[in-house]
Protein backbone atom coordinates (compact mmCIF):
# COMPACT_ATOMS: atom_id res chain seq x y z
CA MET A 1 120.42 77.46 149.51
CA GLY A 2 122.80 80.05 150.88
CA GLU A 3 122.16 78.80 154.41
CA ILE A 4 123.43 75.33 153.50
CA PHE A 5 126.06 75.86 150.80
CA GLU A 6 128.92 78.36 150.56
CA ASN A 7 127.84 79.03 146.99
CA PHE A 8 125.79 77.16 144.46
CA ASP A 9 127.58 76.67 141.14
CA VAL A 10 125.26 76.95 138.13
CA ASN A 11 127.51 74.64 136.08
CA PRO A 12 126.51 71.01 136.77
CA LEU A 13 128.89 68.06 136.83
CA GLY A 14 126.35 66.25 134.68
CA SER A 15 122.78 66.45 133.50
CA ALA A 16 120.22 63.97 132.21
CA SER A 17 116.51 63.90 131.46
CA ILE A 18 115.31 63.96 135.08
CA ALA A 19 117.92 65.90 137.04
CA GLN A 20 121.36 67.43 137.14
CA VAL A 21 124.21 66.77 139.55
CA ASP A 22 126.25 69.55 141.14
CA GLN A 23 129.30 69.53 143.41
CA GLU A 24 128.94 72.02 146.25
CA ARG A 25 130.59 72.88 149.56
CA LEU A 26 128.67 72.87 152.84
CA ARG A 27 128.76 76.19 154.66
CA GLY A 28 129.50 74.99 158.21
CA ASP A 29 132.02 72.17 157.98
CA LYS A 30 133.33 72.97 154.47
CA ASN A 31 132.80 69.38 153.27
CA ASP A 32 132.31 68.89 149.55
CA VAL A 33 129.01 67.20 148.68
CA VAL A 34 127.20 66.12 145.56
CA VAL A 35 123.68 67.47 145.11
CA LYS A 36 121.10 66.07 142.70
CA VAL A 37 118.61 68.71 141.56
CA GLN A 38 115.46 67.66 139.74
CA HIS A 39 114.65 69.65 136.58
CA PRO A 40 111.54 71.88 136.78
CA GLY A 41 108.33 70.13 135.76
CA ILE A 42 109.77 66.62 135.90
CA GLN A 43 107.76 65.52 138.92
CA ASP A 44 104.50 66.51 137.19
CA LEU A 45 105.57 64.61 134.08
CA MET A 46 106.47 61.54 136.13
CA MET A 47 103.12 61.69 137.94
CA THR A 48 101.33 61.86 134.57
CA ASP A 49 103.26 58.77 133.46
CA ILE A 50 102.29 56.96 136.65
CA ARG A 51 98.60 57.88 136.26
CA ASN A 52 98.73 56.57 132.68
CA LEU A 53 100.32 53.37 133.95
CA GLN A 54 97.61 53.05 136.60
CA ALA A 55 94.90 53.41 133.93
CA PHE A 56 96.60 50.73 131.84
CA VAL A 57 96.92 48.43 134.85
CA LEU A 58 93.22 48.82 135.71
CA TYR A 59 92.41 47.88 132.11
CA MET A 60 94.69 44.83 132.35
CA GLN A 61 93.06 43.75 135.60
CA LYS A 62 89.72 43.67 133.81
CA ALA A 63 91.38 41.15 131.48
CA ASP A 64 91.54 38.84 134.55
CA ILE A 65 95.27 39.01 135.29
CA LYS A 66 95.85 37.23 138.61
CA PHE A 67 98.08 39.69 140.50
CA ASP A 68 97.65 43.22 141.82
CA LEU A 69 99.27 45.46 139.22
CA PHE A 70 97.50 48.55 140.55
CA SER A 71 99.28 48.29 143.92
CA ILE A 72 102.59 48.20 142.08
CA ALA A 73 101.70 51.39 140.23
CA LYS A 74 100.53 53.08 143.46
CA GLU A 75 103.83 52.18 145.13
CA MET A 76 105.71 53.75 142.21
CA GLU A 77 103.66 56.92 142.72
CA LYS A 78 104.68 57.04 146.40
CA GLN A 79 108.34 56.55 145.55
CA VAL A 80 108.39 59.58 143.22
CA SER A 81 107.45 61.94 146.04
CA VAL A 82 109.90 60.28 148.46
CA PHE A 83 112.91 61.35 146.39
CA THR A 84 112.25 65.06 146.14
CA LEU A 85 115.00 67.56 146.81
CA LEU A 86 113.34 68.60 150.06
CA PHE A 87 113.44 65.02 151.35
CA LEU A 88 117.11 64.71 150.43
CA ALA A 89 117.98 68.07 151.98
CA LYS A 90 116.28 67.09 155.23
CA HIS A 91 118.28 63.88 155.49
CA ILE A 92 121.62 65.27 154.31
CA CYS A 93 121.45 68.37 156.49
CA PRO A 94 118.97 67.89 159.39
CA SER A 95 119.20 71.57 160.39
CA PHE A 96 117.78 72.50 156.96
CA MET A 97 114.18 72.10 158.16
């Protein structure tokens, strides 16, 4: 974190059930940025929710529902991993990786 930000303030601008939001300053160009940091353990909890949803969807498909609910649940699973902090850091600051 020290390579990207001048300092990392431990006091968030706001916090909710999934993540907190911090205002920080980039080291090189001194621009202020907003950083969203996921709370520890949240991704595992979200993946558990998605697996439960997938199990429910498979059950519903056996009830002869005429559209592919499982693909919807699988897409949700992919989207969770897309929005990790590492992904955001890579796209906000390409030199990070």
